[in-house]
Protein backbone atom coordinates (compact mmCIF):
# COMPACT_ATOMS: atom_id res chain seq x y z
CA MET A 1 65.67 52.75 -54.00
CA LYS A 2 62.72 51.57 -56.05
CA THR A 3 62.19 53.64 -59.16
CA THR A 4 58.42 53.51 -58.69
CA ASP A 5 58.84 55.80 -55.66
CA GLU A 6 59.94 58.61 -57.98
CA ILE A 7 58.43 60.95 -60.51
CA LEU A 8 60.52 63.02 -62.91
CA ILE A 9 59.47 66.65 -63.08
CA VAL A 10 60.27 68.39 -66.35
CA ASP A 11 59.95 72.01 -67.39
CA LEU A 12 60.95 73.24 -70.82
CA GLU A 13 61.98 76.62 -72.03
CA ALA A 14 61.64 77.12 -75.75
CA THR A 15 62.23 79.71 -78.40
CA CYS A 16 59.46 82.27 -78.26
CA TRP A 17 58.39 85.51 -79.83
CA ASP A 18 56.55 88.65 -78.79
CA ASN A 19 52.78 88.12 -79.22
CA ASP A 20 53.50 84.47 -80.23
CA ARG A 21 54.25 85.63 -83.77
CA ILE A 22 56.52 82.86 -85.08
CA PRO A 23 58.65 84.19 -87.95
CA HIS A 24 58.24 82.46 -91.31
CA GLY A 25 60.53 79.45 -91.57
CA GLN A 26 61.03 79.05 -87.81
CA LYS A 27 59.45 76.61 -85.37
CA VAL A 28 59.32 76.42 -81.57
CA ASP A 29 62.52 74.72 -80.37
CA ILE A 30 63.38 73.49 -76.89
CA ILE A 31 66.33 75.48 -75.51
CA GLU A 32 66.34 74.21 -71.92
CA ILE A 33 65.16 71.04 -70.25
CA GLY A 34 64.82 71.64 -66.53
CA ILE A 35 64.52 68.37 -64.68
CA CYS A 36 64.47 67.00 -61.14
CA ARG A 37 63.33 63.91 -59.27
CA LEU A 38 60.57 63.86 -56.69
CA ASN A 39 60.50 60.98 -54.22
CA ILE A 40 56.79 60.52 -53.56
CA ILE A 41 57.40 58.76 -50.24
CA SER A 42 59.91 61.11 -48.58
CA LYS A 43 58.86 64.19 -50.66
CA ALA A 44 62.57 64.84 -51.27
CA ILE A 45 63.44 66.73 -54.47
CA SER A 46 66.81 65.86 -55.97
CA ARG A 47 68.96 65.94 -59.09
CA LYS A 48 67.77 69.39 -60.18
CA GLN A 49 69.54 70.45 -63.34
CA SER A 50 69.30 72.47 -66.53
CA ILE A 51 70.18 70.86 -69.82
CA TYR A 52 70.66 73.59 -72.40
CA VAL A 53 69.67 72.66 -75.94
CA ILE A 54 70.86 74.10 -79.25
CA PRO A 55 67.82 75.24 -81.28
CA GLU A 56 67.80 73.65 -84.73
CA ARG A 57 64.72 75.29 -86.29
CA SER A 58 64.80 78.80 -84.84
CA GLU A 59 66.92 81.47 -83.20
CA ILE A 60 66.92 82.95 -79.71
CA ASN A 61 65.81 86.58 -79.92
CA ARG A 62 65.85 89.44 -77.42
CA PHE A 63 62.24 88.77 -76.29
CA CYS A 64 63.10 85.12 -75.56
CA THR A 65 66.28 86.09 -73.69
CA ASN A 66 64.40 88.69 -71.61
CA LEU A 67 61.79 86.07 -70.65
CA THR A 68 64.06 83.07 -69.98
CA GLY A 69 67.49 84.56 -69.31
CA ILE A 70 68.88 82.22 -71.97
CA THR A 71 71.21 83.94 -74.40
CA PRO A 72 72.70 82.69 -77.67
CA GLN A 73 76.08 82.89 -75.90
CA LEU A 74 74.90 80.59 -73.08
CA ILE A 75 73.68 78.06 -75.65
CA GLU A 76 76.98 78.35 -77.53
CA GLU A 77 78.93 77.62 -74.31
CA LYS A 78 76.70 75.00 -72.64
CA GLY A 79 74.21 73.78 -75.25
CA ILE A 80 73.99 70.28 -76.68
CA TYR A 81 71.75 69.00 -79.44
CA PHE A 82 68.27 67.77 -78.46
CA GLU A 83 69.12 64.17 -79.39
CA GLU A 84 72.16 64.31 -77.06
CA ALA A 85 69.98 65.82 -74.33
CA CYS A 86 67.59 62.86 -74.66
CA GLU A 87 70.53 60.44 -74.35
CA LYS A 88 71.79 62.30 -71.28
CA ILE A 89 68.33 62.04 -69.67
CA ARG A 90 68.18 58.31 -70.47
CA ASP A 91 71.65 57.75 -68.97
CA GLU A 92 71.08 59.77 -65.80
CA TYR A 93 67.41 59.28 -64.92
CA ASN A 94 66.07 55.96 -66.32
CA PRO A 95 63.04 57.94 -67.54
CA GLU A 96 61.36 55.06 -69.35
CA LEU A 97 60.64 53.45 -65.96
CA LEU A 98 59.12 56.53 -64.33
CA THR A 99 56.05 58.69 -64.55
CA TRP A 100 57.05 62.16 -65.66
CA ALA A 101 55.22 65.38 -64.97
CA GLY A 102 55.07 68.98 -66.05
CA TYR A 103 52.98 72.02 -65.22
CA GLY A 104 50.46 71.94 -68.08
CA ASN A 105 50.52 70.04 -71.35
CA PHE A 106 53.13 72.09 -73.22
CA ASP A 107 56.13 70.19 -71.86
CA GLY A 108 54.81 66.75 -72.71
CA GLU A 109 53.55 67.80 -76.13
CA GLN A 110 56.73 69.68 -77.09
CA ILE A 111 59.01 66.75 -76.19
CA ILE A 112 56.87 64.44 -78.35
CA GLU A 113 56.75 66.96 -81.22
CA GLN A 114 60.51 67.49 -81.24
CA CYS A 115 61.25 63.74 -81.01
CA ASP A 116 58.85 63.11 -83.91
CA TRP A 117 60.48 65.87 -85.99
CA LEU A 118 63.92 64.31 -85.45
CA GLY A 119 62.66 60.75 -85.83
CA ILE A 120 63.97 59.73 -82.40
CA LYS A 121 62.37 57.82 -79.54
CA ASN A 122 60.90 59.89 -76.72
CA PRO A 123 63.21 59.29 -73.71
CA PHE A 124 60.27 59.42 -71.30
CA SER A 125 57.59 56.85 -70.52
CA THR A 126 54.04 57.10 -71.80
CA HIS A 127 52.91 58.08 -68.28
CA TYR A 128 52.70 61.90 -68.24
CA LEU A 129 51.10 63.75 -65.34
CA ASN A 130 49.77 67.27 -65.89
CA VAL A 131 50.38 68.93 -62.50
CA MET A 132 48.26 71.98 -63.42
CA TYR A 133 45.27 69.70 -64.00
CA GLU A 134 45.95 67.64 -60.86
CA PHE A 135 46.22 70.86 -58.80
CA ARG A 136 42.89 72.14 -60.15
CA LYS A 137 41.22 68.78 -59.50
CA HIS A 138 42.73 68.43 -56.00
CA PHE A 139 41.38 71.81 -54.87
CA GLN A 140 38.17 71.53 -56.94
CA LEU A 141 38.86 74.83 -58.70
CA HIS A 142 36.76 75.99 -61.64
CA ARG A 143 39.76 77.04 -63.70
CA SER A 144 43.45 76.34 -63.91
CA MET A 145 46.07 78.77 -62.68
CA GLY A 146 49.69 79.32 -63.58
CA LEU A 147 52.66 78.05 -61.61
CA LYS A 148 53.26 81.22 -59.58
CA ARG A 149 49.57 81.63 -58.70
CA ALA A 150 49.39 77.97 -57.63
CA LEU A 151 52.34 78.56 -55.29
CA ASP A 152 50.60 81.67 -53.92
CA TYR A 153 47.46 79.59 -53.38
CA LEU A 154 49.58 77.22 -51.26
CA ASN A 155 51.22 80.17 -49.42
CA MET A 156 54.59 79.18 -50.88
CA ASP A 157 57.16 81.55 -52.32
CA PHE A 158 58.58 80.87 -55.77
CA GLU A 159 62.16 79.66 -55.34
CA GLY A 160 64.62 80.77 -58.02
CA ASN A 161 63.85 82.52 -61.30
CA HIS A 162 60.53 82.09 -63.10
CA HIS A 163 61.05 80.81 -66.66
CA SER A 164 64.24 79.02 -65.68
CA GLY A 165 63.49 75.41 -66.61
CA ALA A 166 65.28 73.93 -63.59
CA ASP A 167 63.65 76.37 -61.14
CA ASP A 168 60.19 75.90 -62.68
CA ALA A 169 60.62 72.09 -62.51
CA TYR A 170 61.69 72.38 -58.87
CA ASN A 171 58.69 74.55 -57.96
CA THR A 172 56.37 72.21 -59.85
CA ALA A 173 57.81 69.35 -57.77
CA ARG A 174 57.05 71.34 -54.60
CA ILE A 175 53.43 71.74 -55.68
CA LEU A 176 53.09 68.08 -56.62
CA SER A 177 54.60 66.92 -53.32
CA THR A 178 51.99 69.01 -51.49
CA ILE A 179 48.99 67.59 -53.33
CA LEU A 180 50.07 63.94 -53.51
């Protein structure tokens, strides 16, 4: 299989607060990297997984857990450090050879920000595709819409749980496969 036939779809979940009020001394931290592969020829979606990440600059609060379903206990049991998560992605996906995509700019920007903060190399290529923008452009819409509304627009049901990184990545891949 040629790697150019694939795009990696990424969706992050991160620490968050009610009304986006970040407590003093804390920063937004990635707590889940949802990832899957989309074969742009066959439209097959594969290798869907969640990589849970231990937050290093903030804590998971009740608001964040209610939104994402990610608890401190889940992170304690399954979480790895962000640097290890990047190594895992490099080992399993060859991301430096592939275009990677997310729904909006947050995912791409947050990966870069967290890599910069840690002084590590971004595991992904420089080729990032904003699926929200591509969707808006494809349908010549005047404004962008969120992931669930874009699925509704395509008469597709959301599969899984919204704000689960792996499920959001999978649904983003479904949208991208439709508009490619």
